[in-house]
Amino acid sequence: MQFVLRFGADRLGFLREMASYGDIAHMQTRGLHFYLINHPELIQDVLVTHHRSFVKSRALQVARRLLGDGLLTSEGELHLRQRRLVQPAFHRQRMAAYSQVMAHRAEQTAERWQELGNGAAVDMAQEMMRLTLAIVGKALFDADVEGEAAEIGQALTEALHAVNRLLLPGGELSEKLPLPASQRAEQARQRLDATIYRIIAQRRASEEDRGDLVSMLLAAQDEQGGMSDVQVRDEAMTLFLAGHETTANALTWTWYLLSQNPAEERRLHKELDQVLAGRTPTLDDLPNLPYTRMVLSEAMRLYPPAYAIGRQVVEPYPVRDYVIEPGATVFVSQYVMHRDPRYWFDFERFDPNRWTPEAQARRPRFSYFPFSAGPRVCIGEGFAWTEGILVLAALAQRWQARLVLGQPVALEPLITLRPKHGMRMTLHRRG
């Protein structure tokens, strides 16, 4: 019980404390066994080499309450089938159309900031959530949901807090009681469902293939037939959440880090000015924006949107001198590994130069894994990199952001790593 309470009170601190005991740390409480694996080779074994020895941990089983059996939570043959059906939505030939949406929506945000005026204060976390929600809504669902951004964002936040509560002792029992928090969580789930099912119904009624994800899922067929509305909903909900929540957090932390590191910000501006010269970035610009990608990579090192991955052992799992028993939970943590001083000198410092090809070649592959790896690697990784670079390029070439005096900066590890108090910043037009 003490473990559960400590983990609930300070997840990141507790994971780092476990890592201080070595590459394999073990904790037992009330007959439950928990292990933290904290070495690149061992992480590769868990996520890639021996992935069949594991299934998703309790945290993602609990997340089924919100996501259903989407790619993030499904297992076995269902996961393989759904991934095959969804994969074409992320092929490179579709990225050109997606990238136009990304850049266009970023430019609209820059214009809206212009209307707010130089020096205007905004919550950058909300700004990035609104922007990435508009992008994923249009790119993947061909729907304009930006007008609903505040309401959808509030529902998502409530739903994520509900999943967090379910992981605490007695959480699943408390959900069945008529408590205000449980009622808010149910209303949030219904609000999110209403958006997704509305899009599905509109697409089925029109019988029109708009080339978006929902059209593709509705038309998808394999030897088992097509998808039901519930299956389409589960996949759409998963991508709806993952497709904007994670990127919005990564961009929010990037703005914060740039505001605290003016030399790195100046180098970013220099690259953007030379490559773009004020025009809207395109997909073809990505190879010419290496420092922009390095900035985003370093932000996701320090503040990885997915900060830990849990797996439940399904067969005896040998690791070094130990055998981990079935039923135990194994964690690997991006937040912990990305700050491991064995691989990251002066690990608290924001340093995009860690991402030169030479520097990357000196580090083990699994010292950095923001999108997981192996068969369950994030299916939208390419989408996320493209979106992050284009949005940052489009906005940062025109705007700087500075932290509001007195703004507290703290971490809130829900399913993703959010800024606990938002990120109040002032906007400043670049001269």
Protein backbone atom coordinates (compact mmCIF):
# COMPACT_ATOMS: atom_id res chain seq x y z
CA MET A 1 0.00 0.00 0.00
CA GLN A 2 2.85 2.38 0.83
CA PHE A 3 4.26 1.80 -2.65
CA VAL A 4 0.93 2.56 -4.31
CA LEU A 5 0.45 5.74 -2.29
CA ARG A 6 4.00 6.95 -2.97
CA PHE A 7 3.67 6.16 -6.65
CA GLY A 8 0.37 8.02 -6.79
CA ALA A 9 1.78 11.05 -4.97
CA ASP A 10 4.98 11.44 -7.01
CA ARG A 11 5.26 9.02 -9.91
CA LEU A 12 8.30 10.58 -11.52
CA GLY A 13 10.20 10.95 -8.28
CA PHE A 14 9.43 7.38 -7.30
CA LEU A 15 10.54 6.00 -10.68
CA ARG A 16 13.82 7.90 -10.39
CA GLU A 17 14.27 6.61 -6.83
CA MET A 18 13.76 3.02 -8.05
CA ALA A 19 16.32 3.61 -10.82
CA SER A 20 18.89 4.63 -8.21
CA TYR A 21 19.01 1.00 -7.05
CA GLY A 22 20.36 -0.26 -10.38
CA ASP A 23 19.37 -1.47 -13.83
CA ILE A 24 16.75 -3.80 -12.33
CA ALA A 25 14.81 -2.59 -9.31
CA HIS A 26 12.10 -4.62 -7.56
CA MET A 27 9.28 -3.56 -5.30
CA GLN A 28 6.71 -5.85 -3.66
CA THR A 29 3.49 -4.80 -1.98
CA ARG A 30 0.43 -6.84 -0.98
CA GLY A 31 1.58 -9.77 -3.09
CA LEU A 32 2.12 -7.62 -6.20
CA HIS A 33 5.54 -7.38 -7.82
CA PHE A 34 6.81 -4.33 -9.68
CA TYR A 35 10.09 -4.02 -11.58
CA LEU A 36 11.77 -1.02 -13.17
CA ILE A 37 14.10 -1.94 -16.04
CA ASN A 38 16.60 0.84 -16.63
CA HIS A 39 19.26 -0.13 -19.17
CA PRO A 40 19.05 0.39 -22.97
CA GLU A 41 19.75 -3.26 -23.84
CA LEU A 42 17.21 -4.53 -21.32
CA ILE A 43 14.63 -2.00 -22.51
CA GLN A 44 15.14 -3.24 -26.06
CA ASP A 45 14.51 -6.79 -24.85
CA VAL A 46 11.21 -5.79 -23.21
CA LEU A 47 9.87 -3.69 -26.09
CA VAL A 48 11.30 -5.55 -29.08
CA THR A 49 13.22 -8.80 -28.68
CA HIS A 50 10.96 -10.53 -26.14
CA HIS A 51 7.79 -8.50 -26.56
CA ARG A 52 5.66 -11.67 -26.66
CA SER A 53 6.48 -12.27 -23.00
CA PHE A 54 4.31 -9.28 -22.05
CA VAL A 55 0.87 -7.77 -22.39
CA LYS A 56 -0.27 -4.26 -21.56
CA SER A 57 -0.14 -3.26 -17.91
CA ARG A 58 -3.10 -2.42 -15.68
CA ALA A 59 -2.82 1.29 -16.50
CA LEU A 60 -3.75 0.74 -20.13
CA GLN A 61 -6.31 -1.88 -19.22
CA VAL A 62 -7.94 0.85 -17.13
CA ALA A 63 -7.62 3.25 -20.07
CA ARG A 64 -10.02 0.98 -21.97
CA ARG A 65 -12.80 2.80 -20.10
CA LEU A 66 -12.01 5.80 -22.29
CA LEU A 67 -10.33 4.36 -25.40
CA GLY A 68 -12.09 1.02 -25.83
CA ASP A 69 -10.13 -1.57 -27.79
CA GLY A 70 -8.12 0.85 -29.89
CA LEU A 71 -4.50 0.40 -30.92
CA LEU A 72 -3.19 1.66 -27.59
CA THR A 73 -5.07 -0.91 -25.50
CA SER A 74 -5.86 -3.92 -27.73
CA GLU A 75 -3.82 -7.12 -27.62
CA GLY A 76 -2.86 -10.08 -29.78
CA GLU A 77 -4.58 -10.77 -33.07
CA LEU A 78 -7.04 -7.88 -32.61
CA HIS A 79 -4.15 -5.44 -32.31
CA LEU A 80 -2.41 -6.85 -35.39
CA ARG A 81 -5.61 -6.70 -37.44
CA GLN A 82 -6.47 -3.17 -36.40
CA ARG A 83 -2.92 -1.97 -37.03
CA ARG A 84 -2.98 -3.40 -40.57
CA LEU A 85 -6.26 -1.62 -41.24
CA VAL A 86 -5.12 1.72 -39.80
CA GLN A 87 -1.54 1.75 -41.17
CA PRO A 88 -2.40 3.09 -44.67
CA ALA A 89 -3.64 6.34 -43.07
CA PHE A 90 -0.03 7.11 -42.14
CA HIS A 91 1.73 6.22 -45.37
CA ARG A 92 4.05 8.86 -46.71
CA GLN A 93 1.89 9.68 -49.71
CA ARG A 94 -0.83 10.89 -47.35
CA MET A 95 1.61 13.04 -45.37
CA ALA A 96 1.73 15.71 -48.08
CA ALA A 97 -1.96 16.46 -47.58
CA TYR A 98 -1.64 16.29 -43.80
CA SER A 99 1.35 18.64 -43.84
CA GLN A 100 -0.65 21.29 -45.70
CA VAL A 101 -3.29 21.16 -42.95
CA MET A 102 -0.60 21.41 -40.27
CA ALA A 103 1.08 24.45 -41.78
CA HIS A 104 -2.21 26.17 -42.64
CA ARG A 105 -3.59 25.79 -39.12
CA ALA A 106 -0.31 27.01 -37.64
CA GLU A 107 -0.48 30.11 -39.83
CA GLN A 108 -4.04 30.72 -38.65
CA THR A 109 -2.80 30.56 -35.07
CA ALA A 110 -0.03 33.05 -35.87
CA GLU A 111 -2.63 35.42 -37.37
CA ARG A 112 -4.88 35.05 -34.32
CA TRP A 113 -1.91 35.93 -32.11
CA GLN A 114 -1.42 39.03 -34.24
CA GLU A 115 -4.99 40.06 -33.42
CA LEU A 116 -4.34 39.53 -29.70
CA GLY A 117 -1.48 42.02 -29.97
CA ASN A 118 2.19 42.18 -29.10
CA GLY A 119 2.78 41.28 -25.46
CA ALA A 120 -0.54 39.48 -25.06
CA ALA A 121 -0.64 36.79 -22.36
CA VAL A 122 -1.90 33.32 -23.28
CA ASP A 123 -1.83 29.86 -21.77
CA MET A 124 0.53 28.18 -24.21
CA ALA A 125 -0.67 24.74 -23.13
CA GLN A 126 -4.22 25.64 -24.16
CA GLU A 127 -3.00 27.30 -27.35
CA MET A 128 -1.11 24.19 -28.44
CA MET A 129 -4.02 21.91 -27.47
CA ARG A 130 -6.38 24.03 -29.55
CA LEU A 131 -4.02 24.00 -32.52
CA THR A 132 -3.22 20.29 -32.51
CA LEU A 133 -6.89 19.44 -31.97
CA ALA A 134 -7.77 21.44 -35.08
CA ILE A 135 -5.02 19.67 -37.03
CA VAL A 136 -5.97 16.14 -36.04
CA GLY A 137 -9.66 16.87 -36.55
CA LYS A 138 -9.13 18.09 -40.09
CA ALA A 139 -6.25 15.83 -41.16
CA LEU A 140 -7.58 12.54 -39.83
CA PHE A 141 -11.34 13.13 -39.65
CA ASP A 142 -11.93 15.90 -42.21
CA ALA A 143 -13.91 17.74 -39.56
CA ASP A 144 -13.60 21.26 -38.20
CA VAL A 145 -13.58 20.84 -34.42
CA GLU A 146 -11.58 23.95 -33.49
CA GLY A 147 -14.77 25.71 -32.41
CA GLU A 148 -15.31 22.92 -29.89
CA ALA A 149 -11.69 22.94 -28.72
CA ALA A 150 -12.32 24.35 -25.24
CA GLU A 151 -15.17 21.95 -24.51
CA ILE A 152 -13.36 18.92 -25.95
CA GLY A 153 -10.17 19.88 -24.13
CA GLN A 154 -12.02 20.10 -20.82
CA ALA A 155 -13.64 16.70 -21.45
CA LEU A 156 -10.27 15.14 -22.28
CA THR A 157 -8.71 16.56 -19.12
CA GLU A 158 -11.54 15.21 -16.99
CA ALA A 159 -11.30 11.80 -18.67
CA LEU A 160 -7.53 11.63 -18.10
CA HIS A 161 -7.99 12.53 -14.43
CA ALA A 162 -10.59 9.76 -14.20
CA VAL A 163 -8.12 7.21 -15.54
CA ASN A 164 -5.59 8.50 -13.02
CA ARG A 165 -8.06 8.01 -10.14
CA LEU A 166 -8.86 4.47 -11.27
CA LEU A 167 -5.22 3.51 -10.76
CA LEU A 168 -5.34 4.44 -7.06
CA PRO A 169 -6.36 1.95 -4.35
CA GLY A 170 -10.12 1.48 -4.49
CA GLY A 171 -10.34 3.52 -7.67
CA GLU A 172 -12.43 1.05 -9.64
CA LEU A 173 -14.85 0.66 -6.72
CA SER A 174 -15.23 4.42 -6.29
CA GLU A 175 -16.13 4.75 -9.98
CA LYS A 176 -19.33 2.80 -9.33
CA LEU A 177 -20.44 5.21 -6.60
CA PRO A 178 -22.51 8.32 -7.44
CA LEU A 179 -19.63 10.67 -6.64
CA PRO A 180 -19.29 14.05 -8.41
CA ALA A 181 -15.93 13.04 -9.90
CA SER A 182 -17.41 9.82 -11.33
CA GLN A 183 -20.35 11.72 -12.78
CA ARG A 184 -18.02 14.29 -14.37
CA ALA A 185 -15.95 11.48 -15.87
CA GLU A 186 -19.00 9.84 -17.40
CA GLN A 187 -20.18 13.17 -18.82
CA ALA A 188 -16.71 13.72 -20.29
CA ARG A 189 -16.70 10.30 -21.96
CA GLN A 190 -20.16 10.95 -23.39
CA ARG A 191 -19.03 14.34 -24.70
CA LEU A 192 -16.06 12.79 -26.49
CA ASP A 193 -18.19 9.95 -27.83
CA ALA A 194 -20.70 12.44 -29.18
CA THR A 195 -18.01 14.09 -31.32
CA ILE A 196 -16.62 10.83 -32.70
CA TYR A 197 -19.98 9.16 -33.35
CA ARG A 198 -21.25 12.34 -35.04
CA ILE A 199 -18.36 12.20 -37.50
CA ILE A 200 -18.94 8.47 -38.12
CA ALA A 201 -22.66 8.99 -38.71
CA GLN A 202 -22.06 11.86 -41.12
CA ARG A 203 -19.59 9.79 -43.10
CA ARG A 204 -21.83 6.72 -43.26
CA ALA A 205 -24.80 8.84 -44.34
CA SER A 206 -22.89 10.54 -47.15
CA GLU A 207 -21.17 7.31 -48.28
CA GLU A 208 -18.39 9.66 -49.40
CA ASP A 209 -14.74 8.72 -49.20
CA ARG A 210 -12.98 11.96 -48.28
CA GLY A 211 -9.60 10.29 -48.02
CA ASP A 212 -9.49 10.76 -44.25
CA LEU A 213 -9.04 8.18 -41.50
CA VAL A 214 -12.73 7.67 -40.73
CA SER A 215 -13.59 7.14 -44.40
CA MET A 216 -10.75 4.66 -44.67
CA LEU A 217 -11.80 2.76 -41.54
CA LEU A 218 -15.40 2.55 -42.68
CA ALA A 219 -14.30 1.21 -46.06
CA ALA A 220 -11.62 -1.11 -44.68
CA GLN A 221 -12.17 -4.80 -45.33
CA ASP A 222 -10.16 -7.91 -44.64
CA GLU A 223 -10.94 -11.61 -44.45
CA GLN A 224 -13.00 -10.92 -41.31
CA GLY A 225 -15.10 -8.21 -42.97
CA GLY A 226 -15.35 -4.55 -42.07
CA MET A 227 -15.38 -2.60 -38.81
CA SER A 228 -18.42 -1.90 -36.68
CA ASP A 229 -19.18 1.65 -35.53
CA VAL A 230 -17.82 0.69 -32.10
CA GLN A 231 -14.53 -0.51 -33.59
CA VAL A 232 -14.24 2.64 -35.70
CA ARG A 233 -15.02 4.70 -32.60
CA ASP A 234 -12.31 2.98 -30.55
CA GLU A 235 -9.62 3.58 -33.17
CA ALA A 236 -10.77 7.13 -33.84
CA MET A 237 -10.88 7.95 -30.12
CA THR A 238 -7.36 6.57 -29.61
CA LEU A 239 -5.94 8.61 -32.50
CA PHE A 240 -8.01 11.63 -31.52
CA LEU A 241 -6.41 11.61 -28.07
CA ALA A 242 -2.91 10.49 -29.02
CA GLY A 243 -2.88 12.62 -32.17
CA HIS A 244 -3.15 15.92 -30.38
CA GLU A 245 -2.51 15.49 -26.65
CA THR A 246 1.08 14.25 -27.00
CA THR A 247 2.17 16.74 -29.66
CA ALA A 248 0.55 19.64 -27.81
CA ASN A 249 2.49 18.76 -24.67
CA ALA A 250 5.76 18.41 -26.59
CA LEU A 251 5.27 21.82 -28.20
CA THR A 252 4.28 23.48 -24.91
CA TRP A 253 7.46 22.26 -23.22
CA THR A 254 9.45 23.35 -26.29
CA TRP A 255 8.16 26.93 -25.99
CA TYR A 256 9.04 26.91 -22.30
CA LEU A 257 12.59 25.63 -22.91
CA LEU A 258 13.22 28.15 -25.69
CA SER A 259 12.10 30.96 -23.38
CA GLN A 260 14.71 29.82 -20.84
CA ASN A 261 17.55 29.33 -23.35
CA PRO A 262 17.98 32.45 -25.53
CA ALA A 263 21.16 31.27 -27.30
CA GLU A 264 19.44 28.12 -28.57
CA GLU A 265 16.37 30.18 -29.49
CA ARG A 266 18.53 32.55 -31.57
CA ARG A 267 20.07 29.62 -33.44
CA LEU A 268 16.59 28.27 -34.18
CA HIS A 269 15.49 31.67 -35.49
CA LYS A 270 18.58 31.87 -37.68
CA GLU A 271 17.77 28.55 -39.34
CA LEU A 272 14.12 29.48 -39.85
CA ASP A 273 15.02 32.86 -41.33
CA GLN A 274 17.54 31.34 -43.73
CA VAL A 275 15.37 28.45 -44.90
CA LEU A 276 11.89 29.97 -44.88
CA ALA A 277 12.49 33.72 -45.21
CA GLY A 278 9.01 34.37 -43.88
CA ARG A 279 7.05 31.92 -46.03
CA THR A 280 4.90 29.05 -44.78
CA PRO A 281 6.90 25.84 -44.29
CA THR A 282 6.07 22.74 -46.35
CA LEU A 283 6.84 19.04 -46.16
CA ASP A 284 9.78 19.56 -48.54
CA ASP A 285 11.41 21.91 -46.00
CA LEU A 286 11.82 19.23 -43.33
CA PRO A 287 15.27 18.01 -44.49
CA ASN A 288 16.48 21.63 -44.45
CA LEU A 289 15.37 22.24 -40.84
CA PRO A 290 17.73 19.96 -38.89
CA TYR A 291 18.13 22.30 -35.91
CA THR A 292 14.35 22.67 -35.59
CA ARG A 293 14.11 18.90 -35.30
CA MET A 294 17.02 18.88 -32.82
CA VAL A 295 15.18 21.40 -30.63
CA LEU A 296 12.05 19.25 -30.63
CA SER A 297 14.09 16.08 -29.96
CA GLU A 298 15.75 17.66 -26.95
CA ALA A 299 12.42 18.94 -25.60
CA MET A 300 11.03 15.40 -25.80
CA ARG A 301 14.13 14.10 -24.05
CA LEU A 302 13.58 16.34 -21.05
CA TYR A 303 9.77 16.20 -21.11
CA PRO A 304 8.71 13.05 -22.99
CA PRO A 305 4.93 13.14 -23.60
CA ALA A 306 4.78 9.42 -22.73
CA TYR A 307 6.90 9.18 -19.59
CA ALA A 308 6.63 5.46 -18.76
CA ILE A 309 5.51 2.19 -20.32
CA GLY A 310 4.09 -0.67 -18.29
CA ARG A 311 3.93 -4.34 -19.26
CA GLN A 312 2.53 -7.36 -17.43
CA VAL A 313 4.60 -10.53 -17.59
CA VAL A 314 2.72 -13.53 -19.03
CA GLU A 315 5.48 -16.18 -18.85
CA PRO A 316 8.62 -16.54 -16.69
CA TYR A 317 10.97 -13.85 -17.93
CA PRO A 318 14.73 -14.26 -17.32
CA VAL A 319 16.71 -11.05 -17.08
CA ARG A 320 20.33 -11.17 -15.97
CA ASP A 321 20.42 -13.07 -12.66
CA TYR A 322 16.67 -12.83 -12.09
CA VAL A 323 13.55 -14.57 -13.33
CA ILE A 324 10.51 -12.30 -13.24
CA GLU A 325 7.38 -14.25 -12.44
CA PRO A 326 4.14 -14.15 -14.49
CA GLY A 327 1.72 -11.53 -13.23
CA ALA A 328 4.45 -9.07 -12.26
CA THR A 329 4.43 -5.58 -13.76
CA VAL A 330 7.53 -4.32 -15.56
CA PHE A 331 8.08 -0.61 -16.16
CA VAL A 332 10.46 1.11 -18.54
CA SER A 333 10.52 4.89 -18.24
CA GLN A 334 11.38 7.42 -20.91
CA TYR A 335 11.54 10.16 -18.28
CA VAL A 336 14.11 8.21 -16.23
CA MET A 337 16.22 6.87 -19.11
CA HIS A 338 16.25 10.24 -20.91
CA ARG A 339 17.91 11.75 -17.82
CA ASP A 340 20.32 8.91 -17.07
CA PRO A 341 23.76 10.52 -16.51
CA ARG A 342 25.48 7.47 -18.05
CA TYR A 343 24.23 8.58 -21.45
CA TRP A 344 23.36 12.24 -20.99
CA PHE A 345 26.11 14.53 -19.69
CA ASP A 346 24.70 17.41 -17.63
CA PHE A 347 21.32 15.80 -18.23
CA GLU A 348 19.17 18.63 -16.83
CA ARG A 349 20.55 21.09 -19.40
CA PHE A 350 18.63 21.85 -22.60
CA ASP A 351 21.16 21.16 -25.37
CA PRO A 352 19.91 20.49 -28.92
CA ASN A 353 23.51 19.69 -29.94
CA ARG A 354 22.96 16.26 -28.41
CA TRP A 355 21.13 15.48 -31.66
CA THR A 356 23.89 15.89 -34.21
CA PRO A 357 24.45 12.62 -36.13
CA GLU A 358 27.82 12.19 -34.41
CA ALA A 359 26.39 12.62 -30.91
CA GLN A 360 23.54 10.22 -31.62
CA ALA A 361 25.95 7.58 -32.93
CA ARG A 362 27.78 7.58 -29.58
CA ARG A 363 24.68 6.65 -27.59
CA PRO A 364 22.90 3.29 -27.35
CA ARG A 365 19.70 3.10 -29.38
CA PHE A 366 17.34 2.67 -26.43
CA SER A 367 18.70 5.53 -24.34
CA TYR A 368 15.94 7.51 -26.13
CA PHE A 369 12.55 6.10 -27.08
CA PRO A 370 9.82 8.79 -26.92
CA PHE A 371 7.48 6.83 -29.20
CA SER A 372 8.14 3.39 -27.69
CA ALA A 373 9.49 0.73 -30.07
CA GLY A 374 8.89 -2.70 -31.54
CA PRO A 375 5.51 -4.00 -32.71
CA ARG A 376 3.74 -1.46 -30.53
CA VAL A 377 5.71 1.58 -31.64
CA CYS A 378 3.42 4.61 -32.03
CA ILE A 379 1.73 4.28 -35.40
CA GLY A 380 1.61 8.07 -35.73
CA GLU A 381 5.30 8.73 -35.07
CA GLY A 382 5.90 10.15 -38.56
CA PHE A 383 2.75 12.28 -38.28
CA ALA A 384 3.92 13.62 -34.90
CA TRP A 385 7.43 14.56 -36.09
CA THR A 386 6.04 16.29 -39.18
CA GLU A 387 3.45 18.18 -37.16
CA GLY A 388 5.86 19.21 -34.43
CA ILE A 389 8.50 20.54 -36.84
CA LEU A 390 6.07 22.36 -39.14
CA VAL A 391 4.10 23.95 -36.30
CA LEU A 392 7.25 25.06 -34.48
CA ALA A 393 8.76 26.43 -37.69
CA ALA A 394 5.63 28.30 -38.74
CA LEU A 395 5.10 29.94 -35.35
CA ALA A 396 8.67 30.49 -34.12
CA GLN A 397 9.75 32.34 -37.24
CA ARG A 398 7.16 35.01 -36.38
CA TRP A 399 6.79 34.84 -32.61
CA GLN A 400 8.71 34.50 -29.37
CA ALA A 401 7.13 33.52 -26.05
CA ARG A 402 8.23 34.48 -22.56
CA LEU A 403 7.11 32.94 -19.29
CA VAL A 404 4.81 35.17 -17.27
CA LEU A 405 6.52 36.38 -14.10
CA GLY A 406 5.60 34.10 -11.23
CA GLN A 407 4.21 31.33 -13.44
CA PRO A 408 4.80 28.03 -11.60
CA VAL A 409 6.26 25.25 -13.74
CA ALA A 410 5.54 21.74 -12.49
CA LEU A 411 4.92 18.33 -14.02
CA GLU A 412 1.59 16.51 -14.02
CA PRO A 413 2.07 12.88 -15.07
CA LEU A 414 -1.37 11.67 -16.16
CA ILE A 415 -1.38 9.34 -19.18
CA THR A 416 0.86 12.02 -20.72
CA LEU A 417 3.27 14.50 -19.16
CA ARG A 418 1.41 17.79 -18.87
CA PRO A 419 2.39 21.11 -17.27
CA LYS A 420 0.45 20.99 -14.01
CA HIS A 421 -0.42 24.68 -13.88
CA GLY A 422 -0.66 25.36 -17.60
CA MET A 423 2.00 27.57 -19.18
CA ARG A 424 1.15 31.27 -19.05
CA MET A 425 3.39 33.11 -21.52
CA THR A 426 3.47 36.48 -23.24
CA LEU A 427 3.69 36.63 -27.05
CA HIS A 428 6.22 38.88 -28.74
CA ARG A 429 6.29 39.57 -32.44
CA ARG A 430 9.73 39.02 -33.95
CA GLY A 431 11.09 42.12 -35.61
